[in-house]
C-alpha atoms as a PDB file:
ATOM      1  CA  MET A   1    -169.867  12.627  65.177  1.00  0.00           C
ATOM      2  CA  THR A   2    -171.509  14.654  68.187  1.00  0.00           C
ATOM      3  CA  ASP A   3    -171.458  18.030  69.326  1.00  0.00           C
ATOM      4  CA  THR A   4    -169.953  18.868  72.319  1.00  0.00           C
ATOM      5  CA  ALA A   5    -170.456  21.765  74.398  1.00  0.00           C
ATOM      6  CA  PRO A   6    -166.984  23.438  75.517  1.00  0.00           C
ATOM      7  CA  ASN A   7    -165.301  22.124  78.312  1.00  0.00           C
ATOM      8  CA  THR A   8    -162.635  22.542  80.680  1.00  0.00           C
ATOM      9  CA  ASN A   9    -161.080  18.578  80.378  1.00  0.00           C
ATOM     10  CA  SER A  10    -159.342  19.646  77.210  1.00  0.00           C
ATOM     11  CA  THR A  11    -156.118  20.319  76.106  1.00  0.00           C
ATOM     12  CA  GLU A  12    -154.662  22.172  73.026  1.00  0.00           C
ATOM     13  CA  THR A  13    -151.998  21.424  71.035  1.00  0.00           C
ATOM     14  CA  ALA A  14    -151.791  24.679  69.729  1.00  0.00           C
ATOM     15  CA  HIS A  15    -152.661  27.610  71.521  1.00  0.00           C
ATOM     16  CA  THR A  16    -156.237  28.977  71.160  1.00  0.00           C
ATOM     17  CA  SER A  17    -158.731  29.379  73.570  1.00  0.00           C
ATOM     18  CA  GLU A  18    -161.881  28.907  71.157  1.00  0.00           C
ATOM     19  CA  PRO A  19    -163.458  25.232  71.272  1.00  0.00           C
ATOM     20  CA  ALA A  20    -164.409  24.001  66.700  1.00  0.00           C
ATOM     21  CA  ALA A  21    -167.727  25.759  66.767  1.00  0.00           C
ATOM     22  CA  THR A  22    -169.466  23.212  64.613  1.00  0.00           C
ATOM     23  CA  ASP A  23    -169.238  19.744  64.024  1.00  0.00           C
ATOM     24  CA  ALA A  24    -168.455  18.892  59.827  1.00  0.00           C
ATOM     25  CA  ALA A  25    -171.225  16.560  59.031  1.00  0.00           C
ATOM     26  CA  THR A  26    -173.824  18.664  60.384  1.00  0.00           C
ATOM     27  CA  ASP A  27    -172.877  22.379  58.838  1.00  0.00           C
ATOM     28  CA  ALA A  28    -172.629  20.173  55.863  1.00  0.00           C
ATOM     29  CA  THR A  29    -176.441  19.211  55.843  1.00  0.00           C
ATOM     30  CA  ALA A  30    -177.624  22.298  56.560  1.00  0.00           C
ATOM     31  CA  ALA A  31    -175.990  24.944  55.061  1.00  0.00           C
ATOM     32  CA  PRO A  32    -176.909  26.584  51.547  1.00  0.00           C
ATOM     33  CA  ALA A  33    -175.038  24.739  48.495  1.00  0.00           C
ATOM     34  CA  GLY A  34    -173.098  27.798  48.277  1.00  0.00           C
ATOM     35  CA  ASP A  35    -172.068  28.514  51.296  1.00  0.00           C
ATOM     36  CA  THR A  36    -167.676  28.155  50.296  1.00  0.00           C
ATOM     37  CA  LYS A  37    -167.133  27.975  54.949  1.00  0.00           C
ATOM     38  CA  VAL A  38    -169.387  24.900  54.414  1.00  0.00           C
ATOM     39  CA  ALA A  39    -167.848  23.619  51.111  1.00  0.00           C
ATOM     40  CA  ALA A  40    -163.992  24.111  53.085  1.00  0.00           C
ATOM     41  CA  LEU A  41    -165.598  21.870  56.134  1.00  0.00           C
ATOM     42  CA  ASP A  42    -166.231  19.215  54.023  1.00  0.00           C
ATOM     43  CA  ASP A  43    -162.386  19.237  52.417  1.00  0.00           C
ATOM     44  CA  LEU A  44    -161.498  19.660  56.089  1.00  0.00           C
ATOM     45  CA  GLU A  45    -163.639  16.620  56.748  1.00  0.00           C
ATOM     46  CA  GLU A  46    -162.441  14.408  54.224  1.00  0.00           C
ATOM     47  CA  ALA A  47    -158.312  15.637  54.618  1.00  0.00           C
ATOM     48  CA  MET A  48    -159.056  13.738  58.362  1.00  0.00           C
ATOM     49  CA  ARG A  49    -160.021  10.985  56.521  1.00  0.00           C
ATOM     50  CA  ASP A  50    -156.279  10.202  55.613  1.00  0.00           C
ATOM     51  CA  VAL A  51    -155.523  10.404  59.508  1.00  0.00           C
ATOM     52  CA  VAL A  52    -155.145   6.984  60.240  1.00  0.00           C
ATOM     53  CA  ASP A  53    -155.452   5.399  64.208  1.00  0.00           C
ATOM     54  CA  PRO A  54    -152.018   4.023  64.169  1.00  0.00           C
ATOM     55  CA  GLU A  55    -153.212   1.088  66.661  1.00  0.00           C
ATOM     56  CA  LEU A  56    -156.469  -0.053  65.089  1.00  0.00           C
ATOM     57  CA  GLY A  57    -155.812   1.174  60.522  1.00  0.00           C
ATOM     58  CA  ILE A  58    -159.197   3.298  61.110  1.00  0.00           C
ATOM     59  CA  ASN A  59    -159.076   6.946  59.340  1.00  0.00           C
ATOM     60  CA  VAL A  60    -159.993   9.162  62.533  1.00  0.00           C
ATOM     61  CA  VAL A  61    -163.422  10.571  61.242  1.00  0.00           C
ATOM     62  CA  ASP A  62    -165.508   6.965  60.975  1.00  0.00           C
ATOM     63  CA  LEU A  63    -163.421   6.207  64.536  1.00  0.00           C
ATOM     64  CA  GLY A  64    -165.529   9.021  65.706  1.00  0.00           C
ATOM     65  CA  LEU A  65    -162.206  10.421  67.364  1.00  0.00           C
ATOM     66  CA  VAL A  66    -163.304  13.599  65.871  1.00  0.00           C
ATOM     67  CA  TYR A  67    -165.814  15.822  67.577  1.00  0.00           C
ATOM     68  CA  GLY A  68    -165.819  18.768  66.075  1.00  0.00           C
ATOM     69  CA  MET A  69    -164.102  21.259  63.033  1.00  0.00           C
ATOM     70  CA  ASP A  70    -164.120  24.987  62.039  1.00  0.00           C
ATOM     71  CA  ILE A  71    -162.076  27.356  59.625  1.00  0.00           C
ATOM     72  CA  ASP A  72    -161.538  30.898  60.748  1.00  0.00           C
ATOM     73  CA  ASP A  73    -161.338  34.062  58.358  1.00  0.00           C
ATOM     74  CA  ASN A  74    -157.571  33.147  58.324  1.00  0.00           C
ATOM     75  CA  ASN A  75    -157.992  29.885  57.359  1.00  0.00           C
ATOM     76  CA  VAL A  76    -156.822  28.213  60.374  1.00  0.00           C
ATOM     77  CA  ALA A  77    -158.635  24.878  60.927  1.00  0.00           C
ATOM     78  CA  THR A  78    -159.488  23.973  64.722  1.00  0.00           C
ATOM     79  CA  ILE A  79    -160.490  20.693  65.011  1.00  0.00           C
ATOM     80  CA  ASP A  80    -162.328  19.196  68.149  1.00  0.00           C
ATOM     81  CA  MET A  81    -160.956  15.796  68.745  1.00  0.00           C
ATOM     82  CA  THR A  82    -160.817  12.823  71.450  1.00  0.00           C
ATOM     83  CA  LEU A  83    -158.114  10.055  71.221  1.00  0.00           C
ATOM     84  CA  THR A  84    -160.000   5.914  72.156  1.00  0.00           C
ATOM     85  CA  SER A  85    -158.455   5.923  75.668  1.00  0.00           C
ATOM     86  CA  ALA A  86    -156.829   9.373  77.006  1.00  0.00           C
ATOM     87  CA  ALA A  87    -153.693   7.277  78.263  1.00  0.00           C
ATOM     88  CA  CYS A  88    -152.323   6.696  74.182  1.00  0.00           C
ATOM     89  CA  PRO A  89    -149.070   6.790  73.220  1.00  0.00           C
ATOM     90  CA  LEU A  90    -150.130   7.670  69.864  1.00  0.00           C
ATOM     91  CA  THR A  91    -150.711  11.457  70.937  1.00  0.00           C
ATOM     92  CA  ASP A  92    -147.726  12.669  68.644  1.00  0.00           C
ATOM     93  CA  VAL A  93    -148.522  10.379  65.375  1.00  0.00           C
ATOM     94  CA  ILE A  94    -151.683  11.649  65.253  1.00  0.00           C
ATOM     95  CA  GLU A  95    -150.825  15.445  65.253  1.00  0.00           C
ATOM     96  CA  ASP A  96    -148.363  14.436  62.443  1.00  0.00           C
ATOM     97  CA  GLN A  97    -150.329  13.260  60.476  1.00  0.00           C
ATOM     98  CA  THR A  98    -153.524  16.030  61.207  1.00  0.00           C
ATOM     99  CA  HIS A  99    -151.333  18.562  60.368  1.00  0.00           C
ATOM    100  CA  ALA A 100    -149.680  16.766  57.231  1.00  0.00           C
ATOM    101  CA  ALA A 101    -153.093  15.939  55.912  1.00  0.00           C
ATOM    102  CA  VAL A 102    -154.441  19.680  56.954  1.00  0.00           C
ATOM    103  CA  THR A 103    -151.907  21.710  56.098  1.00  0.00           C
ATOM    104  CA  GLY A 104    -149.120  19.478  53.255  1.00  0.00           C
ATOM    105  CA  GLY A 105    -149.306  18.058  50.294  1.00  0.00           C
ATOM    106  CA  PRO A 106    -148.423  19.750  46.905  1.00  0.00           C
ATOM    107  CA  GLY A 107    -148.829  23.313  46.945  1.00  0.00           C
ATOM    108  CA  PRO A 108    -150.413  25.338  49.268  1.00  0.00           C
ATOM    109  CA  GLY A 109    -151.844  23.138  52.058  1.00  0.00           C
ATOM    110  CA  LEU A 110    -156.062  22.754  52.412  1.00  0.00           C
ATOM    111  CA  CYS A 111    -155.749  25.697  55.329  1.00  0.00           C
ATOM    112  CA  LYS A 112    -152.800  27.923  56.469  1.00  0.00           C
ATOM    113  CA  ASP A 113    -152.340  26.342  60.064  1.00  0.00           C
ATOM    114  CA  VAL A 114    -154.303  23.521  62.245  1.00  0.00           C
ATOM    115  CA  LYS A 115    -154.811  23.603  65.805  1.00  0.00           C
ATOM    116  CA  ILE A 116    -156.693  20.564  67.880  1.00  0.00           C
ATOM    117  CA  ASN A 117    -158.063  20.600  70.843  1.00  0.00           C
ATOM    118  CA  TRP A 118    -157.969  17.486  72.582  1.00  0.00           C
ATOM    119  CA  VAL A 119    -161.197  17.007  74.127  1.00  0.00           C
ATOM    120  CA  TRP A 120    -162.053  14.316  76.847  1.00  0.00           C
ATOM    121  CA  MET A 121    -165.676  14.945  77.198  1.00  0.00           C
ATOM    122  CA  PRO A 122    -167.895  13.154  76.526  1.00  0.00           C
ATOM    123  CA  PRO A 123    -165.058  10.056  76.781  1.00  0.00           C
ATOM    124  CA  TRP A 124    -165.279   8.152  73.492  1.00  0.00           C
ATOM    125  CA  SER A 125    -166.700   4.785  72.475  1.00  0.00           C
ATOM    126  CA  MET A 126    -167.495   2.345  70.327  1.00  0.00           C
ATOM    127  CA  GLU A 127    -171.425   3.877  69.839  1.00  0.00           C
ATOM    128  CA  LYS A 128    -169.053   6.856  67.940  1.00  0.00           C
ATOM    129  CA  ILE A 129    -167.763   4.769  65.033  1.00  0.00           C
ATOM    130  CA  THR A 130    -169.443   5.504  62.156  1.00  0.00           C
ATOM    131  CA  ASP A 131    -171.123   2.366  59.974  1.00  0.00           C
ATOM    132  CA  GLU A 132    -168.085   2.975  57.169  1.00  0.00           C
ATOM    133  CA  GLY A 133    -165.654   2.574  60.367  1.00  0.00           C
ATOM    134  CA  ARG A 134    -168.149  -0.131  61.535  1.00  0.00           C
ATOM    135  CA  GLU A 135    -167.809  -1.989  58.272  1.00  0.00           C
ATOM    136  CA  GLN A 136    -163.734  -1.800  57.959  1.00  0.00           C
ATOM    137  CA  LEU A 137    -163.458  -3.510  61.900  1.00  0.00           C
ATOM    138  CA  ARG A 138    -165.613  -5.976  60.594  1.00  0.00           C
ATOM    139  CA  ALA A 139    -163.570  -6.377  57.705  1.00  0.00           C
ATOM    140  CA  LEU A 140    -160.225  -6.417  59.968  1.00  0.00           C
ATOM    141  CA  GLY A 141    -161.642  -9.047  61.781  1.00  0.00           C
ATOM    142  CA  PHE A 142    -163.160  -6.913  65.023  1.00  0.00           C
ATOM    143  CA  ASN A 143    -166.475  -8.795  65.986  1.00  0.00           C
ATOM    144  CA  LEU A 144    -168.959  -5.931  66.551  1.00  0.00           C
END
């Protein structure tokens, strides 16, 4: 995952004008261990591993589609995310999976609500795939 500057080339599924302020992987290593917001970001990143790209069968975190995430004081998650292609016809599937992973589950969800900022700059590339994602793709027969 990489930090991205806010840009005008994004669309949102919820009404917000603020992009996610942080990159979960960066925050998890940089902040003190007792920081409750960091723990929540770690939990949010883990929940996003349940969101699977329907075409590739790999989670959106390991595919490098999640550019940043934040949880505000009202327990609303904001996720900056992209797709492998801006013309992806399965955006709704990923949105539904994201809402279920972050707000659903038995009992109260991890967050009260989730807002997705669809970000197109920088464009996604295969270099954004994590080592774990590469291993999973190789296991599926992709030559990386």
